[in-house]
C-alpha cells in the first residue's frame, strides 16, 4: 500500500469536446500547410502542432486523407461565406444609385478586410503552392469560377441599368475585377507593411476619378 501510494499517477489532459478537438486539429493542419506545404501535413506533425498525441488525432480522423479532405471543405465553405457576406452591400449600393466604380471600391475594401481576418485561409486560395494536391487545386478553381460567374452576372446588371456602351464586355469586366482582387490579396498577405488595403481602395478611387 505504501509503495502504491508513493507512486505518482500519470496526469492526463482534460477531455475536450469532439468538435472543439476537430477544430483545433484542422487549425493546426492549416498552419502547417501555409508554413511548410501540403506534403508536410502528417498525423504526427498535426499532433505536434496541436500539442496532443498521435492517438488523439487518429481518434478524430481515421487517416491523413480524411483530415485534408475535411480541411478543404471547411476552408472552401468559409471562404465562400465571407464572399457572400459582401453581396448585400454591393446590391444595396447599386440600387441606392451609387456609381458602380464606388461600389467596386467598397467591395474591394470589404474583400481585403476578409483576407486580413483569415490570412491563412486566403493564403491557400490566392498564393501559389507547388505541392497542392489535385483536389485542393480543383476546389480553388471551383471557388474562382463561382466568383467569376457572380461578378459577370453583376456586370451584366450594371451594363443594363446604366445603359453602358455595347463594347463594355461583362465577362472581361468580371475577369479584370477578380484578377485585381487576387493581386491585391496576394500583396496584402505577403507584404502587409507596404500594401495596406486602404492603399488599393484609394488608388482605385483615384483612377475612377481620373476617368470621370
N, C-alpha and C. Protein backbone atom coordinates (compact mmCIF):
# COMPACT_ATOMS: atom_id res chain seq x y z
N UNK A 1 0.83 -1.21 0.00
CA UNK A 1 0.00 0.00 0.00
C UNK A 1 0.86 1.26 0.00
N UNK A 2 1.90 1.21 0.85
CA UNK A 2 2.78 2.37 0.94
C UNK A 2 3.47 2.61 -0.39
N UNK A 3 3.90 1.46 -1.03
CA UNK A 3 4.59 1.58 -2.31
C UNK A 3 3.66 2.16 -3.36
N UNK A 4 2.41 1.69 -3.33
CA UNK A 4 1.45 2.17 -4.32
C UNK A 4 1.12 3.64 -4.10
N UNK A 5 0.96 4.02 -2.83
CA UNK A 5 0.62 5.42 -2.55
C UNK A 5 1.76 6.35 -2.89
N UNK A 6 3.00 5.79 -2.92
CA UNK A 6 4.14 6.63 -3.23
C UNK A 6 4.30 6.88 -4.72
N UNK A 7 3.61 6.07 -5.51
CA UNK A 7 3.73 6.26 -6.96
C UNK A 7 2.95 7.50 -7.40
N UNK A 8 3.54 8.21 -8.33
CA UNK A 8 2.85 9.38 -8.89
C UNK A 8 1.94 8.92 -10.02
N UNK A 9 0.72 9.29 -9.95
CA UNK A 9 -0.19 8.95 -11.02
C UNK A 9 0.06 9.85 -12.24
N UNK A 10 -0.09 9.22 -13.39
CA UNK A 10 0.12 9.98 -14.62
C UNK A 10 -1.00 11.00 -14.79
N UNK A 11 -0.61 12.23 -15.15
CA UNK A 11 -1.60 13.28 -15.33
C UNK A 11 -2.07 13.30 -16.78
N UNK A 12 -3.35 13.35 -16.97
CA UNK A 12 -3.94 13.40 -18.31
C UNK A 12 -4.57 14.77 -18.54
N UNK A 13 -4.48 15.20 -19.80
CA UNK A 13 -5.14 16.46 -20.16
C UNK A 13 -6.65 16.27 -20.07
N UNK A 14 -7.35 17.28 -19.68
CA UNK A 14 -8.81 17.16 -19.60
C UNK A 14 -9.41 16.86 -20.96
N UNK A 15 -10.50 16.10 -20.97
CA UNK A 15 -11.15 15.76 -22.22
C UNK A 15 -11.74 17.01 -22.87
N UNK A 16 -11.63 17.05 -24.19
CA UNK A 16 -12.12 18.18 -24.95
C UNK A 16 -13.28 17.70 -25.83
N UNK A 17 -14.37 18.44 -25.95
CA UNK A 17 -15.46 18.04 -26.83
C UNK A 17 -14.95 17.77 -28.24
N UNK A 18 -15.53 16.78 -28.90
CA UNK A 18 -15.02 16.32 -30.18
C UNK A 18 -14.98 17.43 -31.22
N UNK A 19 -15.99 18.30 -31.27
CA UNK A 19 -15.99 19.36 -32.26
C UNK A 19 -14.90 20.39 -32.00
N UNK A 20 -14.64 20.66 -30.74
CA UNK A 20 -13.55 21.57 -30.41
C UNK A 20 -12.22 20.96 -30.80
N UNK A 21 -12.05 19.67 -30.53
CA UNK A 21 -10.81 18.99 -30.89
C UNK A 21 -10.63 18.96 -32.40
N UNK A 22 -11.72 18.70 -33.12
CA UNK A 22 -11.65 18.69 -34.59
C UNK A 22 -11.19 20.05 -35.11
N UNK A 23 -11.75 21.11 -34.54
CA UNK A 23 -11.38 22.46 -34.96
C UNK A 23 -9.91 22.74 -34.66
N UNK A 24 -9.44 22.33 -33.51
CA UNK A 24 -8.04 22.55 -33.14
C UNK A 24 -7.10 21.82 -34.09
N UNK A 25 -7.44 20.59 -34.43
CA UNK A 25 -6.59 19.81 -35.33
C UNK A 25 -6.58 20.38 -36.74
N UNK A 26 -7.73 20.83 -37.21
CA UNK A 26 -7.79 21.43 -38.54
C UNK A 26 -7.03 22.75 -38.56
N UNK A 27 -7.13 23.53 -37.50
CA UNK A 27 -6.37 24.78 -37.41
C UNK A 27 -4.87 24.49 -37.46
N UNK A 28 -4.45 23.44 -36.77
CA UNK A 28 -3.03 23.07 -36.76
C UNK A 28 -2.60 22.64 -38.16
N UNK A 29 -3.44 21.85 -38.84
CA UNK A 29 -3.11 21.41 -40.20
C UNK A 29 -3.01 22.59 -41.14
N UNK A 30 -3.90 23.57 -40.99
CA UNK A 30 -3.87 24.74 -41.86
C UNK A 30 -2.58 25.52 -41.66
N UNK A 31 -2.14 25.66 -40.42
CA UNK A 31 -0.88 26.37 -40.16
C UNK A 31 0.29 25.66 -40.83
N UNK A 32 0.27 24.34 -40.79
CA UNK A 32 1.36 23.57 -41.42
C UNK A 32 1.35 23.78 -42.93
N UNK A 33 0.15 23.75 -43.53
CA UNK A 33 0.04 23.93 -44.98
C UNK A 33 0.62 25.27 -45.40
N UNK A 34 0.26 26.33 -44.70
CA UNK A 34 0.71 27.67 -45.05
C UNK A 34 2.23 27.81 -44.85
N UNK A 35 2.73 27.21 -43.78
CA UNK A 35 4.15 27.36 -43.45
C UNK A 35 5.06 26.43 -44.26
N UNK A 36 4.62 25.16 -44.42
CA UNK A 36 5.52 24.15 -44.99
C UNK A 36 4.97 23.43 -46.21
N UNK A 37 3.72 23.68 -46.56
CA UNK A 37 3.15 23.00 -47.72
C UNK A 37 2.30 21.80 -47.34
N UNK A 38 1.50 21.33 -48.30
CA UNK A 38 0.59 20.23 -48.04
C UNK A 38 1.31 18.93 -47.70
N UNK A 39 2.45 18.69 -48.34
CA UNK A 39 3.16 17.43 -48.12
C UNK A 39 3.62 17.29 -46.67
N UNK A 40 3.78 18.41 -45.97
CA UNK A 40 4.26 18.36 -44.59
C UNK A 40 3.17 17.99 -43.60
N UNK A 41 1.93 17.92 -44.07
CA UNK A 41 0.81 17.58 -43.18
C UNK A 41 0.78 16.06 -42.97
N UNK A 42 1.30 15.62 -41.84
CA UNK A 42 1.22 14.22 -41.43
C UNK A 42 0.48 14.16 -40.10
N UNK A 43 0.03 12.98 -39.75
CA UNK A 43 -0.69 12.85 -38.48
C UNK A 43 0.22 13.22 -37.31
N UNK A 44 1.48 12.86 -37.42
CA UNK A 44 2.44 13.19 -36.37
C UNK A 44 2.69 14.70 -36.28
N UNK A 45 2.81 15.34 -37.47
CA UNK A 45 3.05 16.78 -37.48
C UNK A 45 1.86 17.55 -36.93
N UNK A 46 0.66 17.10 -37.27
CA UNK A 46 -0.55 17.75 -36.77
C UNK A 46 -0.65 17.59 -35.25
N UNK A 47 -0.32 16.39 -34.77
CA UNK A 47 -0.36 16.15 -33.33
C UNK A 47 0.60 17.09 -32.61
N UNK A 48 1.82 17.22 -33.14
CA UNK A 48 2.81 18.09 -32.51
C UNK A 48 2.36 19.55 -32.53
N UNK A 49 1.80 19.98 -33.68
CA UNK A 49 1.37 21.37 -33.80
C UNK A 49 0.19 21.69 -32.89
N UNK A 50 -0.65 20.68 -32.63
CA UNK A 50 -1.81 20.89 -31.77
C UNK A 50 -1.51 20.61 -30.31
N UNK A 51 -0.31 20.08 -30.02
CA UNK A 51 0.06 19.79 -28.64
C UNK A 51 -0.65 18.58 -28.07
N UNK A 52 -0.91 17.58 -28.94
CA UNK A 52 -1.55 16.34 -28.48
C UNK A 52 -0.75 15.16 -28.98
N UNK A 53 -1.18 13.95 -28.63
CA UNK A 53 -0.51 12.76 -29.10
C UNK A 53 -1.16 12.26 -30.39
N UNK A 54 -0.43 11.40 -31.12
CA UNK A 54 -0.97 10.87 -32.37
C UNK A 54 -2.29 10.13 -32.18
N UNK A 55 -2.45 9.31 -31.13
CA UNK A 55 -3.73 8.64 -30.93
C UNK A 55 -4.92 9.60 -30.85
N UNK A 56 -4.67 10.79 -30.33
CA UNK A 56 -5.75 11.78 -30.25
C UNK A 56 -6.19 12.18 -31.67
N UNK A 57 -5.21 12.38 -32.55
CA UNK A 57 -5.52 12.75 -33.94
C UNK A 57 -6.28 11.62 -34.62
N UNK A 58 -5.80 10.40 -34.43
CA UNK A 58 -6.47 9.24 -35.05
C UNK A 58 -7.85 9.00 -34.44
N UNK A 59 -8.08 9.52 -33.25
CA UNK A 59 -9.40 9.39 -32.65
C UNK A 59 -10.44 10.28 -33.31
N UNK A 60 -9.97 11.29 -34.05
CA UNK A 60 -10.87 12.22 -34.73
C UNK A 60 -10.90 11.97 -36.23
N UNK A 61 -9.73 11.72 -36.81
CA UNK A 61 -9.62 11.47 -38.24
C UNK A 61 -8.98 10.09 -38.46
N UNK A 62 -9.57 9.24 -39.30
CA UNK A 62 -9.02 7.90 -39.49
C UNK A 62 -7.67 7.90 -40.21
N UNK A 63 -7.41 8.91 -41.04
CA UNK A 63 -6.15 8.96 -41.78
C UNK A 63 -5.89 10.38 -42.27
N UNK A 64 -4.74 10.56 -42.89
CA UNK A 64 -4.32 11.88 -43.38
C UNK A 64 -5.27 12.40 -44.46
N UNK A 65 -5.72 11.51 -45.34
CA UNK A 65 -6.60 11.91 -46.44
C UNK A 65 -7.92 12.47 -45.91
N UNK A 66 -8.45 11.84 -44.88
CA UNK A 66 -9.70 12.34 -44.29
C UNK A 66 -9.49 13.70 -43.65
N UNK A 67 -8.36 13.88 -43.00
CA UNK A 67 -8.07 15.16 -42.36
C UNK A 67 -7.96 16.27 -43.40
N UNK A 68 -7.20 16.01 -44.48
CA UNK A 68 -7.03 17.03 -45.52
C UNK A 68 -8.35 17.31 -46.24
N UNK A 69 -9.15 16.27 -46.44
CA UNK A 69 -10.44 16.46 -47.08
C UNK A 69 -11.36 17.35 -46.26
N UNK A 70 -11.37 17.14 -44.96
CA UNK A 70 -12.19 17.96 -44.07
C UNK A 70 -11.67 19.39 -44.05
N UNK A 71 -10.35 19.56 -44.05
CA UNK A 71 -9.76 20.90 -44.08
C UNK A 71 -10.17 21.63 -45.36
N UNK A 72 -10.14 20.93 -46.47
CA UNK A 72 -10.52 21.52 -47.75
C UNK A 72 -11.96 22.00 -47.71
N UNK A 73 -12.87 21.14 -47.26
CA UNK A 73 -14.29 21.50 -47.23
C UNK A 73 -14.54 22.68 -46.29
N UNK A 74 -13.86 22.68 -45.15
CA UNK A 74 -14.07 23.76 -44.19
C UNK A 74 -13.62 25.11 -44.75
N UNK A 75 -12.41 25.15 -45.31
CA UNK A 75 -11.87 26.42 -45.76
C UNK A 75 -12.57 26.93 -47.01
N UNK A 76 -12.94 26.02 -47.91
CA UNK A 76 -13.67 26.45 -49.10
C UNK A 76 -15.02 27.02 -48.72
N UNK A 77 -15.73 26.34 -47.82
CA UNK A 77 -17.03 26.82 -47.39
C UNK A 77 -16.94 28.16 -46.68
N UNK A 78 -15.93 28.31 -45.81
CA UNK A 78 -15.77 29.57 -45.07
C UNK A 78 -15.41 30.72 -46.00
N UNK A 79 -14.58 30.45 -47.01
CA UNK A 79 -14.21 31.50 -47.96
C UNK A 79 -15.43 31.97 -48.74
N UNK A 80 -16.26 31.04 -49.17
CA UNK A 80 -17.47 31.41 -49.91
C UNK A 80 -18.42 32.20 -49.02
N UNK A 81 -18.52 31.82 -47.76
CA UNK A 81 -19.38 32.56 -46.84
C UNK A 81 -18.91 34.01 -46.70
N UNK A 82 -17.60 34.19 -46.60
CA UNK A 82 -17.07 35.55 -46.49
C UNK A 82 -17.41 36.38 -47.73
N UNK A 83 -17.33 35.74 -48.90
CA UNK A 83 -17.64 36.46 -50.13
C UNK A 83 -19.13 36.77 -50.25
N UNK A 84 -19.96 35.81 -49.86
CA UNK A 84 -21.41 36.01 -49.94
C UNK A 84 -21.84 37.17 -49.04
N UNK A 85 -21.15 37.35 -47.92
CA UNK A 85 -21.49 38.44 -47.00
C UNK A 85 -21.30 39.81 -47.64
N UNK A 86 -20.48 39.89 -48.69
CA UNK A 86 -20.23 41.17 -49.36
C UNK A 86 -21.34 41.54 -50.33
N UNK A 87 -22.11 40.56 -50.80
CA UNK A 87 -23.08 40.80 -51.87
C UNK A 87 -24.19 41.77 -51.49
N UNK A 88 -24.80 41.66 -50.29
CA UNK A 88 -25.87 42.60 -49.96
C UNK A 88 -25.45 44.07 -50.04
N UNK A 89 -24.24 44.36 -49.56
CA UNK A 89 -23.75 45.74 -49.63
C UNK A 89 -23.56 46.20 -51.06
N UNK A 90 -23.08 45.28 -51.91
CA UNK A 90 -22.91 45.60 -53.33
C UNK A 90 -24.25 45.96 -53.97
N UNK A 91 -25.21 45.08 -53.79
CA UNK A 91 -26.53 45.28 -54.40
C UNK A 91 -27.20 46.54 -53.86
N UNK A 92 -27.08 46.75 -52.55
CA UNK A 92 -27.73 47.93 -51.94
C UNK A 92 -27.13 49.22 -52.50
N UNK A 93 -25.80 49.25 -52.60
CA UNK A 93 -25.16 50.45 -53.13
C UNK A 93 -25.61 50.77 -54.53
N UNK A 94 -25.73 49.74 -55.38
CA UNK A 94 -26.16 49.96 -56.76
C UNK A 94 -27.62 50.40 -56.82
N UNK A 95 -28.46 49.77 -56.01
CA UNK A 95 -29.87 50.14 -56.02
C UNK A 95 -30.10 51.54 -55.47
N UNK A 96 -29.21 51.98 -54.56
CA UNK A 96 -29.35 53.32 -53.99
C UNK A 96 -28.81 54.40 -54.91
N UNK A 97 -28.28 53.98 -56.06
CA UNK A 97 -27.82 54.95 -57.05
C UNK A 97 -26.35 55.29 -56.98
N UNK A 98 -25.58 54.58 -56.17
CA UNK A 98 -24.13 54.84 -56.11
C UNK A 98 -23.49 54.46 -57.45
N UNK A 99 -22.42 55.13 -57.79
CA UNK A 99 -21.72 54.82 -59.03
C UNK A 99 -21.10 53.42 -58.91
N UNK A 100 -21.17 52.61 -59.97
CA UNK A 100 -20.61 51.25 -59.91
C UNK A 100 -19.15 51.21 -59.48
N UNK A 101 -18.37 52.20 -59.88
CA UNK A 101 -16.96 52.21 -59.50
C UNK A 101 -16.79 52.42 -58.00
N UNK A 102 -17.65 53.25 -57.41
CA UNK A 102 -17.59 53.44 -55.96
C UNK A 102 -17.99 52.17 -55.22
N UNK A 103 -19.00 51.49 -55.76
CA UNK A 103 -19.43 50.22 -55.17
C UNK A 103 -18.31 49.19 -55.27
N UNK A 104 -17.60 49.19 -56.40
CA UNK A 104 -16.48 48.27 -56.59
C UNK A 104 -15.38 48.55 -55.57
N UNK A 105 -15.10 49.82 -55.32
CA UNK A 105 -14.07 50.18 -54.34
C UNK A 105 -14.47 49.70 -52.94
N UNK A 106 -15.75 49.86 -52.61
CA UNK A 106 -16.22 49.39 -51.31
C UNK A 106 -16.14 47.86 -51.21
N UNK A 107 -16.45 47.18 -52.33
CA UNK A 107 -16.38 45.72 -52.35
C UNK A 107 -14.94 45.25 -52.17
N UNK A 108 -14.00 45.94 -52.82
CA UNK A 108 -12.59 45.58 -52.68
C UNK A 108 -12.13 45.78 -51.24
N UNK A 109 -12.58 46.86 -50.64
CA UNK A 109 -12.24 47.13 -49.24
C UNK A 109 -12.77 46.02 -48.34
N UNK A 110 -14.02 45.59 -48.58
CA UNK A 110 -14.60 44.51 -47.78
C UNK A 110 -13.90 43.18 -48.00
N UNK A 111 -13.52 42.91 -49.25
CA UNK A 111 -12.83 41.66 -49.55
C UNK A 111 -11.46 41.62 -48.87
N UNK A 112 -10.71 42.69 -48.94
CA UNK A 112 -9.39 42.71 -48.32
C UNK A 112 -9.49 42.64 -46.80
N UNK A 113 -10.56 43.18 -46.24
CA UNK A 113 -10.78 43.03 -44.80
C UNK A 113 -11.01 41.56 -44.46
N UNK A 114 -11.74 40.85 -45.32
CA UNK A 114 -11.97 39.41 -45.12
C UNK A 114 -10.66 38.64 -45.21
N UNK A 115 -9.80 39.04 -46.13
CA UNK A 115 -8.49 38.39 -46.28
C UNK A 115 -7.65 38.58 -45.02
N UNK A 116 -7.64 39.79 -44.51
CA UNK A 116 -6.85 40.06 -43.31
C UNK A 116 -7.44 39.37 -42.08
N UNK A 117 -8.74 39.12 -42.09
CA UNK A 117 -9.37 38.45 -40.96
C UNK A 117 -9.05 36.96 -40.93
N UNK A 118 -8.73 36.39 -42.09
CA UNK A 118 -8.40 34.95 -42.16
C UNK A 118 -7.22 34.76 -43.11
N UNK A 119 -6.04 35.25 -42.73
CA UNK A 119 -4.89 35.23 -43.65
C UNK A 119 -4.45 33.83 -44.06
N UNK A 120 -4.51 32.86 -43.15
CA UNK A 120 -4.08 31.51 -43.51
C UNK A 120 -5.01 30.90 -44.54
N UNK A 121 -6.31 31.12 -44.36
CA UNK A 121 -7.29 30.59 -45.32
C UNK A 121 -7.03 31.14 -46.70
N UNK A 122 -6.88 32.46 -46.80
CA UNK A 122 -6.75 33.08 -48.10
C UNK A 122 -5.37 32.88 -48.71
N UNK A 123 -4.38 32.60 -47.88
CA UNK A 123 -3.07 32.24 -48.42
C UNK A 123 -3.18 30.97 -49.26
N UNK A 124 -3.99 30.03 -48.79
CA UNK A 124 -4.19 28.77 -49.53
C UNK A 124 -4.94 28.99 -50.83
N UNK A 125 -5.69 30.08 -50.91
CA UNK A 125 -6.53 30.32 -52.08
C UNK A 125 -5.83 31.17 -53.13
N UNK A 126 -5.13 32.22 -52.72
CA UNK A 126 -4.59 33.16 -53.70
C UNK A 126 -3.09 33.04 -53.92
N UNK A 127 -2.38 32.35 -53.03
CA UNK A 127 -0.93 32.22 -53.21
C UNK A 127 -0.60 30.89 -53.88
N UNK A 128 0.37 30.88 -54.81
CA UNK A 128 0.74 29.62 -55.47
C UNK A 128 1.40 28.65 -54.50
N UNK A 129 1.02 27.38 -54.60
CA UNK A 129 1.61 26.32 -53.78
C UNK A 129 1.97 25.15 -54.69
N UNK A 130 3.27 24.87 -54.78
CA UNK A 130 3.74 23.87 -55.74
C UNK A 130 3.22 22.47 -55.45
N UNK A 131 3.06 22.14 -54.17
CA UNK A 131 2.69 20.76 -53.83
C UNK A 131 1.19 20.61 -53.52
N UNK A 132 0.37 21.52 -54.06
CA UNK A 132 -1.06 21.46 -53.78
C UNK A 132 -1.67 20.20 -54.40
N UNK A 133 -2.36 19.38 -53.61
CA UNK A 133 -3.00 18.18 -54.15
C UNK A 133 -4.06 18.54 -55.19
N UNK A 134 -4.32 17.63 -56.13
CA UNK A 134 -5.29 17.92 -57.20
C UNK A 134 -6.66 18.35 -56.67
N UNK A 135 -7.14 17.72 -55.60
CA UNK A 135 -8.47 18.07 -55.11
C UNK A 135 -8.50 19.48 -54.53
N UNK A 136 -7.38 19.93 -53.96
CA UNK A 136 -7.32 21.31 -53.44
C UNK A 136 -7.31 22.29 -54.60
N UNK A 137 -6.54 21.97 -55.64
CA UNK A 137 -6.48 22.86 -56.79
C UNK A 137 -7.83 22.93 -57.49
N UNK A 138 -8.52 21.79 -57.59
CA UNK A 138 -9.84 21.76 -58.21
C UNK A 138 -10.83 22.60 -57.42
N UNK A 139 -10.76 22.51 -56.09
CA UNK A 139 -11.66 23.30 -55.24
C UNK A 139 -11.37 24.79 -55.39
N UNK A 140 -10.10 25.14 -55.49
CA UNK A 140 -9.74 26.55 -55.66
C UNK A 140 -10.28 27.08 -56.98
N UNK A 141 -10.14 26.28 -58.04
CA UNK A 141 -10.65 26.71 -59.33
C UNK A 141 -12.18 26.79 -59.33
N UNK A 142 -12.82 25.87 -58.60
CA UNK A 142 -14.28 25.90 -58.49
C UNK A 142 -14.74 27.18 -57.80
N UNK A 143 -14.05 27.53 -56.71
CA UNK A 143 -14.39 28.76 -55.99
C UNK A 143 -14.20 29.98 -56.88
N UNK A 144 -13.10 29.99 -57.62
CA UNK A 144 -12.83 31.13 -58.52
C UNK A 144 -13.90 31.21 -59.61
N UNK A 145 -14.32 30.05 -60.10
CA UNK A 145 -15.36 30.04 -61.12
C UNK A 145 -16.67 30.60 -60.62
N UNK A 146 -17.02 30.27 -59.38
CA UNK A 146 -18.25 30.80 -58.79
C UNK A 146 -18.17 32.32 -58.62
N UNK A 147 -17.00 32.78 -58.20
CA UNK A 147 -16.82 34.23 -58.02
C UNK A 147 -16.90 34.94 -59.38
N UNK A 148 -16.27 34.36 -60.40
CA UNK A 148 -16.32 34.96 -61.73
C UNK A 148 -17.75 35.02 -62.26
N UNK A 149 -18.50 33.94 -62.05
CA UNK A 149 -19.88 33.92 -62.52
C UNK A 149 -20.71 34.99 -61.83
N UNK A 150 -20.51 35.17 -60.52
CA UNK A 150 -21.24 36.20 -59.79
C UNK A 150 -20.84 37.59 -60.27
N UNK A 151 -19.54 37.78 -60.50
CA UNK A 151 -19.06 39.09 -60.97
C UNK A 151 -19.59 39.40 -62.36
N UNK A 152 -19.66 38.39 -63.22
CA UNK A 152 -20.19 38.61 -64.57
C UNK A 152 -21.68 38.93 -64.53
N UNK A 153 -22.40 38.22 -63.68
CA UNK A 153 -23.84 38.48 -63.54
C UNK A 153 -24.07 39.91 -63.07
N UNK A 154 -23.27 40.34 -62.10
CA UNK A 154 -23.38 41.71 -61.60
C UNK A 154 -23.00 42.70 -62.70
N UNK A 155 -21.98 42.36 -63.47
CA UNK A 155 -21.57 43.23 -64.57
C UNK A 155 -22.66 43.41 -65.61
N UNK A 156 -23.37 42.33 -65.91
CA UNK A 156 -24.47 42.42 -66.88
C UNK A 156 -25.59 43.32 -66.35
N UNK A 157 -25.85 43.19 -65.05
CA UNK A 157 -26.90 44.03 -64.45
C UNK A 157 -26.49 45.50 -64.52
N UNK A 158 -25.21 45.77 -64.26
CA UNK A 158 -24.73 47.15 -64.29
C UNK A 158 -24.82 47.73 -65.70
N UNK A 159 -24.39 46.96 -66.69
CA UNK A 159 -24.40 47.48 -68.06
C UNK A 159 -25.83 47.76 -68.54
N UNK A 160 -26.78 46.94 -68.11
CA UNK A 160 -28.18 47.18 -68.49
C UNK A 160 -28.74 48.39 -67.75
N UNK A 161 -28.46 48.46 -66.45
CA UNK A 161 -29.04 49.52 -65.63
C UNK A 161 -28.51 50.90 -66.01
N UNK A 162 -27.23 50.99 -66.32
CA UNK A 162 -26.62 52.28 -66.60
C UNK A 162 -26.48 52.55 -68.10
N UNK A 163 -27.14 51.71 -68.91
CA UNK A 163 -27.13 51.92 -70.36
C UNK A 163 -25.70 52.09 -70.88
N UNK A 164 -24.86 51.13 -70.54
CA UNK A 164 -23.45 51.21 -70.90
C UNK A 164 -23.25 50.94 -72.39
N UNK A 165 -22.11 51.37 -72.96
CA UNK A 165 -21.82 51.10 -74.37
C UNK A 165 -21.80 49.59 -74.64
N UNK A 166 -22.14 49.21 -75.85
CA UNK A 166 -22.22 47.79 -76.21
C UNK A 166 -20.88 47.08 -76.08
N UNK A 167 -19.79 47.82 -76.25
CA UNK A 167 -18.46 47.21 -76.20
C UNK A 167 -17.97 46.93 -74.78
N UNK A 168 -18.72 47.39 -73.79
CA UNK A 168 -18.33 47.12 -72.41
C UNK A 168 -18.71 45.69 -72.07
N UNK A 169 -17.74 44.80 -72.15
CA UNK A 169 -17.96 43.35 -72.06
C UNK A 169 -18.04 42.90 -70.60
N UNK A 170 -19.19 42.43 -70.12
CA UNK A 170 -19.33 41.99 -68.73
C UNK A 170 -18.38 40.86 -68.35
N UNK A 171 -18.10 39.97 -69.27
CA UNK A 171 -17.19 38.85 -68.97
C UNK A 171 -15.78 39.35 -68.73
N UNK A 172 -15.33 40.28 -69.57
CA UNK A 172 -13.99 40.84 -69.39
C UNK A 172 -13.92 41.68 -68.12
N UNK A 173 -15.01 42.38 -67.81
CA UNK A 173 -15.06 43.16 -66.57
C UNK A 173 -14.89 42.23 -65.37
N UNK A 174 -15.60 41.10 -65.41
CA UNK A 174 -15.53 40.14 -64.31
C UNK A 174 -14.11 39.63 -64.12
N UNK A 175 -13.44 39.25 -65.22
CA UNK A 175 -12.07 38.75 -65.12
C UNK A 175 -11.13 39.83 -64.59
N UNK A 176 -11.33 41.07 -65.03
CA UNK A 176 -10.48 42.17 -64.58
C UNK A 176 -10.65 42.42 -63.08
N UNK A 177 -11.90 42.44 -62.64
CA UNK A 177 -12.17 42.71 -61.22
C UNK A 177 -11.62 41.60 -60.34
N UNK A 178 -11.84 40.34 -60.72
CA UNK A 178 -11.37 39.21 -59.92
C UNK A 178 -9.84 39.16 -59.90
N UNK A 179 -9.22 39.43 -61.03
CA UNK A 179 -7.75 39.43 -61.10
C UNK A 179 -7.18 40.54 -60.21
N UNK A 180 -7.81 41.71 -60.24
CA UNK A 180 -7.37 42.82 -59.38
C UNK A 180 -7.49 42.43 -57.92
N UNK A 181 -8.60 41.80 -57.54
CA UNK A 181 -8.80 41.41 -56.15
C UNK A 181 -7.77 40.37 -55.72
N UNK A 182 -7.47 39.41 -56.59
CA UNK A 182 -6.48 38.38 -56.27
C UNK A 182 -5.09 38.99 -56.10
N UNK A 183 -4.73 39.89 -57.00
CA UNK A 183 -3.42 40.54 -56.91
C UNK A 183 -3.30 41.34 -55.63
N UNK A 184 -4.35 42.09 -55.30
CA UNK A 184 -4.33 42.88 -54.08
C UNK A 184 -4.22 41.98 -52.85
N UNK A 185 -4.95 40.88 -52.85
CA UNK A 185 -4.91 39.95 -51.72
C UNK A 185 -3.51 39.37 -51.54
N UNK A 186 -2.87 39.00 -52.64
CA UNK A 186 -1.51 38.44 -52.56
C UNK A 186 -0.54 39.44 -51.94
N UNK A 187 -0.62 40.69 -52.37
CA UNK A 187 0.29 41.70 -51.84
C UNK A 187 0.00 42.02 -50.38
N UNK A 188 -1.27 42.07 -50.02
CA UNK A 188 -1.64 42.32 -48.62
C UNK A 188 -1.14 41.20 -47.72
N UNK A 189 -1.16 39.98 -48.23
CA UNK A 189 -0.72 38.83 -47.42
C UNK A 189 0.80 38.72 -47.33
N UNK A 190 1.49 39.01 -48.43
CA UNK A 190 2.94 38.78 -48.46
C UNK A 190 3.75 39.99 -48.00
N UNK A 191 3.18 41.19 -48.11
CA UNK A 191 3.91 42.39 -47.70
C UNK A 191 2.94 43.39 -47.07
N UNK A 192 2.34 43.02 -45.93
CA UNK A 192 1.28 43.86 -45.33
C UNK A 192 1.75 45.23 -44.91
N UNK A 193 3.04 45.36 -44.56
CA UNK A 193 3.54 46.66 -44.15
C UNK A 193 3.55 47.67 -45.29
N UNK A 194 3.77 47.19 -46.48
CA UNK A 194 3.85 48.08 -47.65
C UNK A 194 2.50 48.22 -48.35
N UNK A 195 1.74 47.13 -48.37
CA UNK A 195 0.48 47.13 -49.11
C UNK A 195 -0.69 46.96 -48.15
N UNK A 196 -1.21 48.06 -47.67
CA UNK A 196 -2.39 48.03 -46.82
C UNK A 196 -3.64 48.12 -47.69
N UNK A 197 -4.76 47.53 -47.26
CA UNK A 197 -5.99 47.60 -48.06
C UNK A 197 -6.37 49.02 -48.46
N UNK A 198 -6.19 49.97 -47.55
CA UNK A 198 -6.58 51.36 -47.85
C UNK A 198 -5.82 51.90 -49.06
N UNK A 199 -4.61 51.42 -49.27
CA UNK A 199 -3.81 51.89 -50.40
C UNK A 199 -4.47 51.50 -51.73
N UNK A 200 -4.98 50.28 -51.79
CA UNK A 200 -5.64 49.82 -53.01
C UNK A 200 -6.96 50.57 -53.23
N UNK A 201 -7.71 50.73 -52.17
CA UNK A 201 -9.02 51.39 -52.29
C UNK A 201 -8.84 52.84 -52.73
N UNK A 202 -7.87 53.55 -52.12
CA UNK A 202 -7.62 54.93 -52.50
C UNK A 202 -7.14 55.01 -53.95
N UNK A 203 -6.27 54.07 -54.35
CA UNK A 203 -5.78 54.07 -55.71
C UNK A 203 -6.89 53.82 -56.72
N UNK A 204 -7.79 52.92 -56.38
CA UNK A 204 -8.91 52.63 -57.28
C UNK A 204 -9.83 53.83 -57.41
N UNK A 205 -10.12 54.47 -56.28
CA UNK A 205 -10.98 55.65 -56.32
C UNK A 205 -10.33 56.78 -57.13
N UNK A 206 -9.02 56.94 -56.99
CA UNK A 206 -8.31 57.98 -57.72
C UNK A 206 -8.36 57.70 -59.24
N UNK A 207 -8.19 56.42 -59.61
CA UNK A 207 -8.23 56.05 -61.02
C UNK A 207 -9.62 56.30 -61.60
N UNK A 208 -10.64 55.97 -60.84
CA UNK A 208 -12.01 56.21 -61.29
C UNK A 208 -12.27 57.70 -61.44
N UNK A 209 -11.77 58.49 -60.50
CA UNK A 209 -11.94 59.94 -60.60
C UNK A 209 -11.27 60.51 -61.83
N UNK A 210 -10.13 59.96 -62.20
CA UNK A 210 -9.42 60.41 -63.39
C UNK A 210 -10.23 60.11 -64.65
N UNK A 211 -10.81 58.91 -64.68
CA UNK A 211 -11.61 58.53 -65.85
C UNK A 211 -12.85 59.42 -65.95
N UNK A 212 -13.48 59.69 -64.80
CA UNK A 212 -14.66 60.55 -64.82
C UNK A 212 -14.32 61.94 -65.36
